[in-house]
Amino acid sequence: MSKLELARKLAEMTRTMEQARAERNAKVKKIYHQTNPEGWEELKTILNYVEPSYEEDA
């Protein structure tokens, strides 16, 4: 396989991966937007889930 063929194959694989990533992201967004926010809050309460703090402890 020549370097040119290898480069073309790599470019094709990269495009395919980008398309697959875009499709997955679109599905994730759909699921996220269909989520019931009140249900999430209730579930967090039941599980005693606390949002992690991103502030630095000084």
PDB file of N, CA and C in Angstrom:
ATOM      1  N   MET A   1       0.857  -1.181   0.000  1.00  0.00           N
ATOM      2  CA  MET A   1       0.000   0.000   0.000  1.00  0.00           C
ATOM      3  C   MET A   1       0.900   1.240   0.000  1.00  0.00           C
ATOM      4  N   SER A   2       0.680   2.116  -0.948  1.00  0.00           N
ATOM      5  CA  SER A   2       1.513   3.310  -1.039  1.00  0.00           C
ATOM      6  C   SER A   2       1.104   4.329   0.018  1.00  0.00           C
ATOM      7  N   LYS A   3       1.956   5.315   0.217  1.00  0.00           N
ATOM      8  CA  LYS A   3       1.658   6.358   1.216  1.00  0.00           C
ATOM      9  C   LYS A   3       0.387   7.115   0.843  1.00  0.00           C
ATOM     10  N   LEU A   4       0.161   7.328  -0.431  1.00  0.00           N
ATOM     11  CA  LEU A   4      -1.035   8.039  -0.878  1.00  0.00           C
ATOM     12  C   LEU A   4      -2.284   7.222  -0.571  1.00  0.00           C
ATOM     13  N   GLU A   5      -2.240   5.920  -0.853  1.00  0.00           N
ATOM     14  CA  GLU A   5      -3.383   5.056  -0.545  1.00  0.00           C
ATOM     15  C   GLU A   5      -3.638   5.012   0.954  1.00  0.00           C
ATOM     16  N   LEU A   6      -2.561   4.937   1.717  1.00  0.00           N
ATOM     17  CA  LEU A   6      -2.672   4.910   3.170  1.00  0.00           C
ATOM     18  C   LEU A   6      -3.295   6.213   3.690  1.00  0.00           C
ATOM     19  N   ALA A   7      -2.870   7.337   3.146  1.00  0.00           N
ATOM     20  CA  ALA A   7      -3.419   8.632   3.553  1.00  0.00           C
ATOM     21  C   ALA A   7      -4.906   8.729   3.213  1.00  0.00           C
ATOM     22  N   ARG A   8      -5.279   8.238   2.037  1.00  0.00           N
ATOM     23  CA  ARG A   8      -6.694   8.260   1.644  1.00  0.00           C
ATOM     24  C   ARG A   8      -7.540   7.389   2.573  1.00  0.00           C
ATOM     25  N   LYS A   9      -7.010   6.207   2.891  1.00  0.00           N
ATOM     26  CA  LYS A   9      -7.734   5.291   3.778  1.00  0.00           C
ATOM     27  C   LYS A   9      -7.893   5.918   5.163  1.00  0.00           C
ATOM     28  N   LEU A  10      -6.851   6.543   5.662  1.00  0.00           N
ATOM     29  CA  LEU A  10      -6.906   7.198   6.968  1.00  0.00           C
ATOM     30  C   LEU A  10      -7.918   8.345   6.956  1.00  0.00           C
ATOM     31  N   ALA A  11      -7.932   9.130   5.889  1.00  0.00           N
ATOM     32  CA  ALA A  11      -8.888  10.231   5.778  1.00  0.00           C
ATOM     33  C   ALA A  11     -10.318   9.698   5.751  1.00  0.00           C
ATOM     34  N   GLU A  12     -10.536   8.599   5.032  1.00  0.00           N
ATOM     35  CA  GLU A  12     -11.866   7.998   4.960  1.00  0.00           C
ATOM     36  C   GLU A  12     -12.307   7.489   6.337  1.00  0.00           C
ATOM     37  N   MET A  13     -11.390   6.834   7.045  1.00  0.00           N
ATOM     38  CA  MET A  13     -11.705   6.330   8.378  1.00  0.00           C
ATOM     39  C   MET A  13     -12.031   7.486   9.332  1.00  0.00           C
ATOM     40  N   THR A  14     -11.281   8.562   9.219  1.00  0.00           N
ATOM     41  CA  THR A  14     -11.519   9.722  10.082  1.00  0.00           C
ATOM     42  C   THR A  14     -12.890  10.315   9.822  1.00  0.00           C
ATOM     43  N   ARG A  15     -13.263  10.445   8.544  1.00  0.00           N
ATOM     44  CA  ARG A  15     -14.594  10.957   8.198  1.00  0.00           C
ATOM     45  C   ARG A  15     -15.680  10.061   8.769  1.00  0.00           C
ATOM     46  N   THR A  16     -15.492   8.749   8.625  1.00  0.00           N
ATOM     47  CA  THR A  16     -16.471   7.792   9.133  1.00  0.00           C
ATOM     48  C   THR A  16     -16.621   7.925  10.642  1.00  0.00           C
ATOM     49  N   MET A  17     -15.501   8.064  11.331  1.00  0.00           N
ATOM     50  CA  MET A  17     -15.538   8.214  12.788  1.00  0.00           C
ATOM     51  C   MET A  17     -16.246   9.508  13.188  1.00  0.00           C
ATOM     52  N   GLU A  18     -15.982  10.588  12.454  1.00  0.00           N
ATOM     53  CA  GLU A  18     -16.632  11.874  12.742  1.00  0.00           C
ATOM     54  C   GLU A  18     -18.142  11.775  12.529  1.00  0.00           C
ATOM     55  N   GLN A  19     -18.555  11.090  11.467  1.00  0.00           N
ATOM     56  CA  GLN A  19     -19.981  10.914  11.210  1.00  0.00           C
ATOM     57  C   GLN A  19     -20.632  10.102  12.317  1.00  0.00           C
ATOM     58  N   ALA A  20     -19.978   9.031  12.743  1.00  0.00           N
ATOM     59  CA  ALA A  20     -20.516   8.195  13.812  1.00  0.00           C
ATOM     60  C   ALA A  20     -20.618   8.989  15.115  1.00  0.00           C
ATOM     61  N   ARG A  21     -19.601   9.805  15.397  1.00  0.00           N
ATOM     62  CA  ARG A  21     -19.616  10.627  16.613  1.00  0.00           C
ATOM     63  C   ARG A  21     -20.764  11.632  16.553  1.00  0.00           C
ATOM     64  N   ALA A  22     -20.975  12.246  15.407  1.00  0.00           N
ATOM     65  CA  ALA A  22     -22.067  13.217  15.259  1.00  0.00           C
ATOM     66  C   ALA A  22     -23.421  12.537  15.470  1.00  0.00           C
ATOM     67  N   GLU A  23     -23.581  11.335  14.923  1.00  0.00           N
ATOM     68  CA  GLU A  23     -24.845  10.601  15.094  1.00  0.00           C
ATOM     69  C   GLU A  23     -25.074  10.247  16.561  1.00  0.00           C
ATOM     70  N   ARG A  24     -24.020   9.786  17.243  1.00  0.00           N
ATOM     71  CA  ARG A  24     -24.155   9.458  18.665  1.00  0.00           C
ATOM     72  C   ARG A  24     -24.519  10.697  19.477  1.00  0.00           C
ATOM     73  N   ASN A  25     -23.851  11.813  19.188  1.00  0.00           N
ATOM     74  CA  ASN A  25     -24.134  13.049  19.920  1.00  0.00           C
ATOM     75  C   ASN A  25     -25.569  13.501  19.697  1.00  0.00           C
ATOM     76  N   ALA A  26     -26.070  13.356  18.489  1.00  0.00           N
ATOM     77  CA  ALA A  26     -27.449  13.748  18.200  1.00  0.00           C
ATOM     78  C   ALA A  26     -28.421  12.902  19.011  1.00  0.00           C
ATOM     79  N   LYS A  27     -28.148  11.617  19.132  1.00  0.00           N
ATOM     80  CA  LYS A  27     -29.024  10.736  19.905  1.00  0.00           C
ATOM     81  C   LYS A  27     -28.987  11.090  21.386  1.00  0.00           C
ATOM     82  N   VAL A  28     -27.802  11.389  21.889  1.00  0.00           N
ATOM     83  CA  VAL A  28     -27.659  11.744  23.308  1.00  0.00           C
ATOM     84  C   VAL A  28     -28.437  13.017  23.607  1.00  0.00           C
ATOM     85  N   LYS A  29     -28.345  14.007  22.730  1.00  0.00           N
ATOM     86  CA  LYS A  29     -29.064  15.261  22.940  1.00  0.00           C
ATOM     87  C   LYS A  29     -30.567  15.022  22.955  1.00  0.00           C
ATOM     88  N   LYS A  30     -31.054  14.159  22.053  1.00  0.00           N
ATOM     89  CA  LYS A  30     -32.486  13.873  22.018  1.00  0.00           C
ATOM     90  C   LYS A  30     -32.932  13.286  23.348  1.00  0.00           C
ATOM     91  N   ILE A  31     -32.172  12.315  23.839  1.00  0.00           N
ATOM     92  CA  ILE A  31     -32.522  11.680  25.108  1.00  0.00           C
ATOM     93  C   ILE A  31     -32.503  12.723  26.219  1.00  0.00           C
ATOM     94  N   TYR A  32     -31.484  13.562  26.229  1.00  0.00           N
ATOM     95  CA  TYR A  32     -31.355  14.577  27.278  1.00  0.00           C
ATOM     96  C   TYR A  32     -32.554  15.523  27.257  1.00  0.00           C
ATOM     97  N   HIS A  33     -32.957  15.954  26.072  1.00  0.00           N
ATOM     98  CA  HIS A  33     -34.058  16.910  25.973  1.00  0.00           C
ATOM     99  C   HIS A  33     -35.407  16.277  26.315  1.00  0.00           C
ATOM    100  N   GLN A  34     -35.497  14.964  26.238  1.00  0.00           N
ATOM    101  CA  GLN A  34     -36.754  14.305  26.570  1.00  0.00           C
ATOM    102  C   GLN A  34     -36.840  13.963  28.058  1.00  0.00           C
ATOM    103  N   THR A  35     -35.795  14.297  28.803  1.00  0.00           N
ATOM    104  CA  THR A  35     -35.749  13.941  30.216  1.00  0.00           C
ATOM    105  C   THR A  35     -36.686  14.821  31.028  1.00  0.00           C
ATOM    106  N   ASN A  36     -37.276  14.237  32.029  1.00  0.00           N
ATOM    107  CA  ASN A  36     -38.161  14.955  32.934  1.00  0.00           C
ATOM    108  C   ASN A  36     -37.315  15.566  34.059  1.00  0.00           C
ATOM    109  N   PRO A  37     -37.134  16.902  34.090  1.00  0.00           N
ATOM    110  CA  PRO A  37     -36.271  17.522  35.103  1.00  0.00           C
ATOM    111  C   PRO A  37     -36.749  17.270  36.529  1.00  0.00           C
ATOM    112  N   GLU A  38     -38.065  17.263  36.738  1.00  0.00           N
ATOM    113  CA  GLU A  38     -38.583  17.009  38.088  1.00  0.00           C
ATOM    114  C   GLU A  38     -38.242  15.582  38.526  1.00  0.00           C
ATOM    115  N   GLY A  39     -38.316  14.660  37.584  1.00  0.00           N
ATOM    116  CA  GLY A  39     -37.965  13.273  37.879  1.00  0.00           C
ATOM    117  C   GLY A  39     -36.500  13.129  38.255  1.00  0.00           C
ATOM    118  N   TRP A  40     -35.635  13.889  37.566  1.00  0.00           N
ATOM    119  CA  TRP A  40     -34.209  13.855  37.901  1.00  0.00           C
ATOM    120  C   TRP A  40     -33.992  14.347  39.327  1.00  0.00           C
ATOM    121  N   GLU A  41     -34.637  15.456  39.669  1.00  0.00           N
ATOM    122  CA  GLU A  41     -34.465  16.015  41.013  1.00  0.00           C
ATOM    123  C   GLU A  41     -34.958  15.035  42.069  1.00  0.00           C
ATOM    124  N   GLU A  42     -36.074  14.392  41.803  1.00  0.00           N
ATOM    125  CA  GLU A  42     -36.619  13.419  42.752  1.00  0.00           C
ATOM    126  C   GLU A  42     -35.668  12.225  42.904  1.00  0.00           C
ATOM    127  N   LEU A  43     -35.122  11.764  41.792  1.00  0.00           N
ATOM    128  CA  LEU A  43     -34.176  10.649  41.838  1.00  0.00           C
ATOM    129  C   LEU A  43     -32.930  11.028  42.638  1.00  0.00           C
ATOM    130  N   LYS A  44     -32.420  12.251  42.421  1.00  0.00           N
ATOM    131  CA  LYS A  44     -31.254  12.710  43.185  1.00  0.00           C
ATOM    132  C   LYS A  44     -31.559  12.715  44.677  1.00  0.00           C
ATOM    133  N   THR A  45     -32.756  13.158  45.041  1.00  0.00           N
ATOM    134  CA  THR A  45     -33.146  13.195  46.445  1.00  0.00           C
ATOM    135  C   THR A  45     -33.194  11.782  47.019  1.00  0.00           C
ATOM    136  N   ILE A  46     -33.808  10.866  46.292  1.00  0.00           N
ATOM    137  CA  ILE A  46     -33.929   9.488  46.760  1.00  0.00           C
ATOM    138  C   ILE A  46     -32.549   8.854  46.956  1.00  0.00           C
ATOM    139  N   LEU A  47     -31.621   9.151  46.025  1.00  0.00           N
ATOM    140  CA  LEU A  47     -30.293   8.536  46.084  1.00  0.00           C
ATOM    141  C   LEU A  47     -29.305   9.332  46.932  1.00  0.00           C
ATOM    142  N   ASN A  48     -29.770  10.431  47.535  1.00  0.00           N
ATOM    143  CA  ASN A  48     -28.899  11.326  48.317  1.00  0.00           C
ATOM    144  C   ASN A  48     -27.710  11.800  47.490  1.00  0.00           C
ATOM    145  N   TYR A  49     -27.972  12.113  46.222  1.00  0.00           N
ATOM    146  CA  TYR A  49     -26.913  12.581  45.320  1.00  0.00           C
ATOM    147  C   TYR A  49     -26.690  14.066  45.528  1.00  0.00           C
ATOM    148  N   VAL A  50     -25.420  14.453  45.625  1.00  0.00           N
ATOM    149  CA  VAL A  50     -25.071  15.862  45.776  1.00  0.00           C
ATOM    150  C   VAL A  50     -24.181  16.241  44.606  1.00  0.00           C
ATOM    151  N   GLU A  51     -24.506  17.365  43.964  1.00  0.00           N
ATOM    152  CA  GLU A  51     -23.677  17.836  42.848  1.00  0.00           C
ATOM    153  C   GLU A  51     -22.269  18.113  43.365  1.00  0.00           C
ATOM    154  N   PRO A  52     -21.240  17.642  42.640  1.00  0.00           N
ATOM    155  CA  PRO A  52     -19.882  17.914  43.086  1.00  0.00           C
ATOM    156  C   PRO A  52     -19.560  19.403  42.980  1.00  0.00           C
ATOM    157  N   SER A  53     -18.795  19.900  43.920  1.00  0.00           N
ATOM    158  CA  SER A  53     -18.408  21.298  43.908  1.00  0.00           C
ATOM    159  C   SER A  53     -17.109  21.440  43.112  1.00  0.00           C
ATOM    160  N   TYR A  54     -17.081  22.387  42.196  1.00  0.00           N
ATOM    161  CA  TYR A  54     -15.894  22.601  41.396  1.00  0.00           C
ATOM    162  C   TYR A  54     -15.065  23.764  41.932  1.00  0.00           C
ATOM    163  N   GLU A  55     -15.470  24.319  43.050  1.00  0.00           N
ATOM    164  CA  GLU A  55     -14.707  25.402  43.653  1.00  0.00           C
ATOM    165  C   GLU A  55     -13.508  24.810  44.384  1.00  0.00           C
ATOM    166  N   GLU A  56     -12.401  25.548  44.343  1.00  0.00           N
ATOM    167  CA  GLU A  56     -11.206  25.061  45.014  1.00  0.00           C
ATOM    168  C   GLU A  56     -11.348  25.274  46.515  1.00  0.00           C
ATOM    169  N   ASP A  57     -10.967  24.265  47.284  1.00  0.00           N
ATOM    170  CA  ASP A  57     -10.975  24.421  48.736  1.00  0.00           C
ATOM    171  C   ASP A  57      -9.720  25.160  49.144  1.00  0.00           C
ATOM    172  N   ALA A  58      -9.923  26.292  49.829  1.00  0.00           N
ATOM    173  CA  ALA A  58      -8.762  27.107  50.198  1.00  0.00           C
ATOM    174  C   ALA A  58      -8.451  26.934  51.660  1.00  0.00           C
TER     175      ALA A  58
END
